[in-house]
Amino acid sequence: MLRGRRWIGALLVGALALLGCRGAAPAGEPVVLVTPAPATEAPTPTATPTATPAPVTVPPLTPAPTPTLAPTPEPTATPTPTPEPTPTPVPTPSGLCGGRYPDKFTEDVYITEASYQSPELAIFLNTVRDEDSFSSFVTYFIADIYVQDITLLRTAAAGADFTSTGAGSVKQMAKRNNALFAASGDYYAHSLRMGRTPLIIRNGVLYKQKVTAAYESCVLFRDGTMAVYAPEDLDPQALMDAGAWQGWTFGPALLDENGQPRTNIPKKYVGVNDLNPRCMLGYYEPGHYCLVVVDGRQRAGRYSMGLTLRELGQLAYDLGCAQAYNLDGGQSAQFYWQGKIFNHPTGGGRTISDILYFAAPEA
């Protein structure tokens, strides 16, 4: 029993000791000091090793394939345009027209009822009936002429040469000289019979050194130019030295110095204001000319009454001429073409001393 109490007491003391409390020992009982067993240090718990996580096998990142870049297309070279071949230059034809009017000339001779074309000469005929433009109804004929060689524009006399006062028909003179086309001239013989000396330069020959005729003269030069001179300004030899090829005296000039229809025509020119058949030589530029014949004095069927000189000047202006000159008119005014008289001269026409004409290049 006692031992049991002592054991309990010991336990209590020990417990108190453990708790740090000491109580008084009960009286009459020996104090037994119990040296507590040194506290056994609680072993430091061994840290439960942290489980090494099972390595997650991350498959190596396969780099996304670099997209294959589409190859930069080779720049399409802008095709260099194939240059047009430089055409072989066609030599500019020699002659008065040079390279102008290429559609007028032909490589071979080409003839129709109203035209003639060759490498050197082209003639186009046209007939015009006009009821409204002038003071009366009129019919006229235009020969539009292109020539490379001025020597194809020639003159011919009815007699042996241009000192003769003989006369002949336009048709006969034209046929005798193998003319392609012909027109009445200036009737120089009439002036000689009247005791006047006109300017007579024909086919490059000067027939009279002194001029006494009181009318304007027209000169066609070898370079194709044409000019009209007042009688006081004429110097025949000087004109020859300048290259005169043909020279006529009849007149007057139909355009003034500004190229306008002439209005101040001297009264010495007979029939200035009368309606008459007319013949006119027109000039555009070297190598390009026209000849115009106006029928007149034919009232029947309202065919043609003719023109005044002022109206003839207006016609020259309307045609675009730079200069125009009046040749012999009336019954003399005639055109010859392809073996016959082309117009309808009043009274059937009359004989005359000379013609101007165009010859075939081979003539």
Protein backbone atom coordinates (compact mmCIF):
# COMPACT_ATOMS: atom_id res chain seq x y z
CA MET A 1 0.00 0.00 0.00
CA LEU A 2 2.76 2.33 1.13
CA ARG A 3 4.80 1.41 -1.81
CA GLY A 4 1.92 2.18 -4.01
CA ARG A 5 1.49 5.60 -2.50
CA ARG A 6 5.19 6.25 -2.71
CA TRP A 7 5.10 5.31 -6.38
CA ILE A 8 2.19 7.57 -7.02
CA GLY A 9 3.94 10.40 -5.14
CA ALA A 10 7.01 9.92 -7.09
CA LEU A 11 5.07 10.09 -10.22
CA LEU A 12 3.45 13.29 -9.09
CA VAL A 13 6.76 14.88 -8.14
CA GLY A 14 8.18 13.86 -11.35
CA ALA A 15 5.23 15.24 -13.17
CA LEU A 16 5.51 18.48 -11.31
CA ALA A 17 9.15 18.62 -12.01
CA LEU A 18 8.35 18.17 -15.54
CA LEU A 19 5.92 20.98 -15.36
CA GLY A 20 8.44 23.14 -13.43
CA CYS A 21 6.40 23.20 -10.18
CA ARG A 22 7.66 22.09 -6.78
CA GLY A 23 5.34 21.55 -3.95
CA ALA A 24 6.16 20.97 -0.31
CA ALA A 25 6.78 17.42 0.58
CA PRO A 26 4.26 16.00 2.98
CA ALA A 27 5.27 16.19 6.58
CA GLY A 28 6.94 13.16 8.04
CA GLU A 29 7.79 11.78 4.72
CA PRO A 30 11.26 11.80 3.52
CA VAL A 31 11.81 13.82 0.50
CA VAL A 32 13.14 11.71 -2.10
CA LEU A 33 14.70 13.74 -4.79
CA VAL A 34 14.13 12.12 -7.96
CA THR A 35 16.47 13.26 -10.54
CA PRO A 36 14.54 13.19 -13.61
CA ALA A 37 16.12 11.32 -16.33
CA PRO A 38 17.58 13.65 -18.68
CA ALA A 39 15.10 14.41 -21.25
CA THR A 40 15.84 12.51 -24.19
CA GLU A 41 15.87 14.94 -26.98
CA ALA A 42 13.16 14.03 -29.33
CA PRO A 43 14.86 13.04 -32.40
CA THR A 44 14.58 15.60 -35.09
CA PRO A 45 12.12 14.13 -37.28
CA THR A 46 13.70 13.07 -40.39
CA ALA A 47 12.19 15.18 -43.03
CA THR A 48 10.25 13.04 -45.23
CA PRO A 49 12.08 13.48 -48.37
CA THR A 50 10.03 15.38 -50.78
CA ALA A 51 9.16 13.04 -53.41
CA THR A 52 11.04 14.00 -56.46
CA PRO A 53 8.35 14.35 -58.92
CA ALA A 54 8.68 12.02 -61.70
CA PRO A 55 10.22 14.03 -64.41
CA VAL A 56 7.64 14.96 -66.93
CA THR A 57 9.10 14.07 -70.16
CA VAL A 58 8.30 17.01 -72.33
CA PRO A 59 8.91 16.03 -75.77
CA PRO A 60 11.42 18.35 -77.26
CA LEU A 61 9.73 21.17 -79.02
CA THR A 62 10.02 20.52 -82.62
CA PRO A 63 10.33 23.99 -83.98
CA ALA A 64 7.54 24.72 -86.30
CA PRO A 65 9.01 24.35 -89.67
CA THR A 66 9.96 27.65 -91.14
CA PRO A 67 7.51 28.00 -93.90
CA THR A 68 9.24 27.62 -97.13
CA LEU A 69 9.01 30.99 -98.66
CA ALA A 70 7.75 30.94 -102.11
CA PRO A 71 10.67 31.91 -104.21
CA THR A 72 10.54 35.51 -105.16
CA PRO A 73 9.60 35.31 -108.73
CA GLU A 74 12.16 36.69 -111.02
CA PRO A 75 10.84 40.04 -112.09
CA THR A 76 9.34 39.71 -115.46
CA ALA A 77 11.39 41.98 -117.55
CA THR A 78 9.27 44.49 -119.33
CA PRO A 79 9.83 43.50 -122.86
CA THR A 80 11.78 46.12 -124.69
CA PRO A 81 9.60 46.98 -127.60
CA THR A 82 11.17 45.90 -130.78
CA PRO A 83 11.91 49.16 -132.49
CA GLU A 84 10.15 49.64 -135.72
CA PRO A 85 12.68 49.28 -138.42
CA THR A 86 13.73 52.65 -139.69
CA PRO A 87 12.30 52.79 -143.14
CA THR A 88 14.84 53.18 -145.81
CA PRO A 89 14.51 56.81 -146.73
CA VAL A 90 13.04 57.30 -150.13
CA PRO A 91 15.10 59.86 -151.96
CA THR A 92 13.21 63.09 -152.35
CA PRO A 93 12.32 63.28 -155.99
CA SER A 94 14.23 65.97 -157.77
CA GLY A 95 12.18 68.63 -159.45
CA LEU A 96 9.99 71.62 -158.75
CA CYS A 97 7.59 69.76 -156.45
CA GLY A 98 10.29 67.77 -154.66
CA GLY A 99 8.53 65.35 -152.32
CA ARG A 100 5.26 67.30 -152.32
CA TYR A 101 2.09 65.90 -153.87
CA PRO A 102 3.20 62.23 -153.85
CA ASP A 103 -0.37 61.20 -154.67
CA LYS A 104 -0.34 63.20 -157.89
CA PHE A 105 2.57 61.51 -159.60
CA THR A 106 2.68 57.85 -160.62
CA GLU A 107 5.52 55.49 -161.36
CA ASP A 108 4.05 54.63 -164.75
CA VAL A 109 1.99 56.69 -167.17
CA TYR A 110 -1.69 56.56 -166.27
CA ILE A 111 -4.34 58.22 -168.46
CA THR A 112 -8.12 58.58 -168.04
CA GLU A 113 -10.73 60.68 -169.82
CA ALA A 114 -9.93 63.62 -167.55
CA SER A 115 -6.42 63.04 -166.22
CA TYR A 116 -2.82 62.30 -167.09
CA GLN A 117 -0.26 61.09 -164.53
CA SER A 118 3.40 60.16 -164.84
CA PRO A 119 6.57 60.52 -162.73
CA GLU A 120 7.11 64.08 -164.00
CA LEU A 121 3.72 65.52 -164.91
CA ALA A 122 0.11 65.32 -163.68
CA ILE A 123 -2.93 67.04 -165.21
CA PHE A 124 -6.48 66.82 -163.84
CA LEU A 125 -9.41 68.38 -165.72
CA ASN A 126 -12.68 69.40 -164.16
CA THR A 127 -15.84 71.02 -165.57
CA VAL A 128 -17.86 73.42 -163.39
CA ARG A 129 -21.36 74.77 -164.04
CA ASP A 130 -22.17 77.68 -161.72
CA GLU A 131 -25.55 79.42 -161.61
CA ASP A 132 -25.10 81.40 -158.39
CA SER A 133 -21.58 82.70 -157.70
CA PHE A 134 -21.29 85.35 -160.39
CA SER A 135 -23.41 87.93 -162.17
CA SER A 136 -24.68 85.33 -164.63
CA PHE A 137 -24.69 81.60 -165.21
CA VAL A 138 -21.33 80.30 -166.30
CA THR A 139 -19.51 77.12 -167.31
CA TYR A 140 -15.75 76.89 -166.94
CA PHE A 141 -13.01 74.28 -167.19
CA ILE A 142 -10.08 73.89 -164.80
CA ALA A 143 -6.82 72.10 -165.54
CA ASP A 144 -5.01 71.45 -162.24
CA ILE A 145 -1.35 70.89 -163.16
CA TYR A 146 1.67 69.51 -161.26
CA VAL A 147 5.03 69.41 -162.99
CA GLN A 148 8.52 68.52 -161.80
CA ASP A 149 10.35 69.95 -164.83
CA ILE A 150 9.33 73.42 -165.99
CA THR A 151 10.61 72.69 -169.50
CA LEU A 152 7.55 70.48 -169.97
CA LEU A 153 5.50 73.70 -170.05
CA ARG A 154 6.19 74.95 -173.56
CA THR A 155 4.93 77.39 -176.11
CA ALA A 156 4.45 77.01 -179.86
CA ALA A 157 3.78 79.46 -182.68
CA ALA A 158 1.53 79.09 -185.70
CA GLY A 159 4.37 80.28 -187.95
CA ALA A 160 7.98 79.26 -188.21
CA ASP A 161 8.90 81.03 -184.97
CA PHE A 162 7.77 83.78 -182.65
CA THR A 163 8.62 86.60 -185.05
CA SER A 164 5.89 85.41 -187.44
CA THR A 165 2.51 87.14 -187.51
CA GLY A 166 0.73 84.09 -188.89
CA ALA A 167 -2.19 82.41 -187.12
CA GLY A 168 -3.47 78.86 -186.84
CA SER A 169 -5.94 76.80 -184.86
CA VAL A 170 -5.18 75.72 -181.34
CA LYS A 171 -5.86 72.14 -182.35
CA GLN A 172 -3.43 72.19 -185.29
CA MET A 173 -0.61 73.71 -183.24
CA ALA A 174 -1.19 71.25 -180.42
CA LYS A 175 -1.13 68.22 -182.72
CA ARG A 176 1.94 69.42 -184.56
CA ASN A 177 3.83 69.66 -181.29
CA ASN A 178 2.53 66.40 -179.78
CA ALA A 179 0.92 68.30 -176.93
CA LEU A 180 -0.80 66.39 -174.15
CA PHE A 181 -2.76 69.48 -173.21
CA ALA A 182 -2.81 72.99 -174.68
CA ALA A 183 -4.47 76.38 -174.17
CA SER A 184 -4.68 79.60 -176.14
CA GLY A 185 -1.73 81.97 -175.59
CA ASP A 186 -1.39 85.76 -175.63
CA TYR A 187 -1.88 86.27 -179.39
CA TYR A 188 1.43 88.15 -179.54
CA ALA A 189 1.03 88.57 -183.32
CA HIS A 190 -1.88 90.94 -182.82
CA SER A 191 0.40 93.35 -180.95
CA LEU A 192 3.06 93.09 -183.67
CA ARG A 193 0.46 93.91 -186.33
CA MET A 194 -0.60 96.94 -184.27
CA GLY A 195 3.01 98.20 -184.24
CA ARG A 196 3.62 97.33 -180.58
CA THR A 197 6.40 95.08 -179.34
CA PRO A 198 5.28 92.75 -176.55
CA LEU A 199 7.57 90.77 -174.29
CA ILE A 200 8.27 87.57 -176.20
CA ILE A 201 10.31 85.02 -174.22
CA ARG A 202 9.47 81.53 -175.42
CA ASN A 203 11.08 78.28 -174.33
CA GLY A 204 14.04 80.17 -172.88
CA VAL A 205 14.65 82.38 -175.96
CA LEU A 206 14.28 86.18 -175.95
CA TYR A 207 12.88 87.30 -179.32
CA LYS A 208 12.65 91.06 -178.77
CA GLN A 209 15.19 93.12 -176.87
CA LYS A 210 12.94 96.15 -176.55
CA VAL A 211 9.34 96.13 -175.34
CA THR A 212 6.94 98.90 -176.32
CA ALA A 213 3.59 97.30 -175.48
CA ALA A 214 1.74 99.17 -172.76
CA TYR A 215 0.34 96.11 -171.04
CA GLU A 216 1.45 94.06 -168.06
CA SER A 217 3.67 91.09 -168.80
CA CYS A 218 3.81 87.70 -167.10
CA VAL A 219 7.10 85.81 -166.68
CA LEU A 220 7.55 82.16 -165.74
CA PHE A 221 11.06 81.36 -164.51
CA ARG A 222 13.06 78.14 -164.69
CA ASP A 223 12.76 77.72 -160.92
CA GLY A 224 8.98 77.50 -161.36
CA THR A 225 8.12 80.92 -159.92
CA MET A 226 5.80 83.31 -161.76
CA ALA A 227 5.59 87.10 -161.58
CA VAL A 228 3.73 89.92 -163.32
CA TYR A 229 5.49 93.16 -164.31
CA ALA A 230 4.20 96.60 -165.23
CA PRO A 231 5.54 97.76 -168.64
CA GLU A 232 7.78 100.38 -167.04
CA ASP A 233 9.45 97.72 -164.90
CA LEU A 234 10.38 95.40 -167.75
CA ASP A 235 14.02 94.73 -168.52
CA PRO A 236 14.02 91.76 -170.93
CA GLN A 237 17.73 90.99 -170.63
CA ALA A 238 17.65 91.21 -166.84
CA LEU A 239 14.75 88.76 -166.88
CA MET A 240 16.75 86.38 -169.06
CA ASP A 241 19.70 86.66 -166.71
CA ALA A 242 17.35 85.76 -163.84
CA GLY A 243 16.30 82.55 -165.62
CA ALA A 244 13.14 83.51 -167.52
CA TRP A 245 11.62 80.51 -169.37
CA GLN A 246 8.41 82.01 -170.80
CA GLY A 247 7.18 85.59 -171.10
CA TRP A 248 3.74 86.81 -172.32
CA THR A 249 2.12 90.20 -172.78
CA PHE A 250 -1.65 90.48 -172.53
CA GLY A 251 -2.97 90.85 -169.00
CA PRO A 252 -3.80 92.18 -166.64
CA ALA A 253 -2.79 90.51 -163.40
CA LEU A 254 -5.97 89.36 -161.67
CA LEU A 255 -4.80 89.52 -158.04
CA ASP A 256 -3.28 92.48 -156.23
CA GLU A 257 -0.05 92.58 -154.23
CA ASN A 258 -1.90 91.12 -151.22
CA GLY A 259 -3.33 88.21 -153.18
CA GLN A 260 -6.83 89.68 -153.20
CA PRO A 261 -9.08 89.95 -156.29
CA ARG A 262 -7.97 93.02 -158.15
CA THR A 263 -10.44 95.89 -158.39
CA ASN A 264 -8.33 98.73 -159.84
CA ILE A 265 -7.98 97.33 -163.36
CA PRO A 266 -6.92 100.07 -165.80
CA LYS A 267 -9.46 101.02 -168.45
CA LYS A 268 -7.00 100.34 -171.25
CA TYR A 269 -7.88 96.69 -170.84
CA VAL A 270 -10.85 96.25 -173.12
CA GLY A 271 -14.03 94.67 -171.80
CA VAL A 272 -13.10 94.84 -168.13
CA ASN A 273 -16.75 94.84 -167.07
CA ASP A 274 -18.15 92.77 -169.94
CA LEU A 275 -19.14 89.11 -169.70
CA ASN A 276 -16.76 87.34 -172.04
CA PRO A 277 -15.06 83.99 -172.59
CA ARG A 278 -11.75 84.07 -170.68
CA CYS A 279 -8.47 82.20 -170.39
CA MET A 280 -6.34 82.42 -167.24
CA LEU A 281 -2.98 81.06 -166.06
CA GLY A 282 -2.89 80.58 -162.30
CA TYR A 283 0.13 80.03 -160.04
CA TYR A 284 0.13 78.37 -156.59
CA GLU A 285 3.80 77.61 -156.01
CA PRO A 286 6.71 76.29 -158.06
CA GLY A 287 5.51 73.18 -159.86
CA HIS A 288 1.79 73.72 -159.21
CA TYR A 289 -0.32 75.72 -161.67
CA CYS A 290 -3.77 75.86 -163.15
CA LEU A 291 -5.22 76.91 -166.48
CA VAL A 292 -8.84 78.00 -166.63
CA VAL A 293 -11.00 78.52 -169.71
CA VAL A 294 -14.40 80.18 -169.28
CA ASP A 295 -16.99 79.69 -172.00
CA GLY A 296 -19.22 82.67 -172.73
CA ARG A 297 -21.71 84.46 -174.95
CA GLN A 298 -23.86 81.33 -175.05
CA ARG A 299 -27.29 82.01 -173.57
CA ALA A 300 -29.08 79.03 -175.13
CA GLY A 301 -29.93 76.40 -172.56
CA ARG A 302 -28.45 78.71 -169.93
CA TYR A 303 -25.05 77.33 -170.82
CA SER A 304 -22.55 80.13 -170.12
CA MET A 305 -22.40 83.91 -170.41
CA GLY A 306 -18.78 84.33 -169.33
CA LEU A 307 -17.11 86.46 -166.64
CA THR A 308 -15.92 90.03 -166.19
CA LEU A 309 -12.22 90.49 -165.44
CA ARG A 310 -13.03 91.25 -161.80
CA GLU A 311 -15.07 88.06 -161.57
CA LEU A 312 -12.18 86.15 -163.15
CA GLY A 313 -9.98 87.55 -160.39
CA GLN A 314 -12.50 86.39 -157.80
CA LEU A 315 -12.43 82.91 -159.33
CA ALA A 316 -8.61 82.87 -159.17
CA TYR A 317 -8.82 83.87 -155.51
CA ASP A 318 -11.44 81.23 -154.75
CA LEU A 319 -9.21 78.59 -156.35
CA GLY A 320 -6.41 79.58 -153.98
CA CYS A 321 -4.00 81.03 -156.53
CA ALA A 322 -1.10 83.16 -155.30
CA GLN A 323 -0.92 84.92 -158.68
CA ALA A 324 -3.07 84.81 -161.82
CA TYR A 325 -2.76 86.32 -165.28
CA ASN A 326 -5.32 86.93 -168.00
CA LEU A 327 -4.48 85.49 -171.43
CA ASP A 328 -6.30 86.07 -174.72
CA GLY A 329 -10.02 85.39 -174.38
CA GLY A 330 -13.14 85.75 -176.50
CA GLN A 331 -13.21 83.29 -179.36
CA SER A 332 -9.52 82.52 -178.73
CA ALA A 333 -10.23 80.91 -175.32
CA GLN A 334 -9.79 77.19 -175.93
CA PHE A 335 -8.56 74.00 -174.29
CA TYR A 336 -7.09 71.11 -176.27
CA TRP A 337 -7.13 67.65 -174.67
CA GLN A 338 -6.66 64.15 -176.08
CA GLY A 339 -6.89 65.17 -179.73
CA LYS A 340 -9.81 67.58 -179.58
CA ILE A 341 -11.03 70.93 -178.26
CA PHE A 342 -12.26 70.21 -174.76
CA ASN A 343 -14.46 73.26 -174.11
CA HIS A 344 -17.15 74.88 -176.28
CA PRO A 345 -15.65 78.11 -177.66
CA THR A 346 -18.13 80.70 -178.81
CA GLY A 347 -18.60 80.73 -182.58
CA GLY A 348 -16.50 77.58 -182.84
CA GLY A 349 -13.33 79.45 -181.88
CA ARG A 350 -10.82 81.30 -184.04
CA THR A 351 -7.25 81.05 -185.18
CA ILE A 352 -4.52 82.48 -182.98
CA SER A 353 -0.77 83.04 -183.22
CA ASP A 354 0.40 80.81 -180.33
CA ILE A 355 -0.41 78.31 -177.66
CA LEU A 356 1.08 77.20 -174.37
CA TYR A 357 1.11 73.47 -173.85
CA PHE A 358 2.41 70.56 -171.80
CA ALA A 359 4.48 67.87 -173.46
CA ALA A 360 4.88 64.26 -172.40
CA PRO A 361 8.19 63.80 -170.50
CA GLU A 362 9.62 61.65 -173.28
CA ALA A 363 8.66 64.13 -176.02
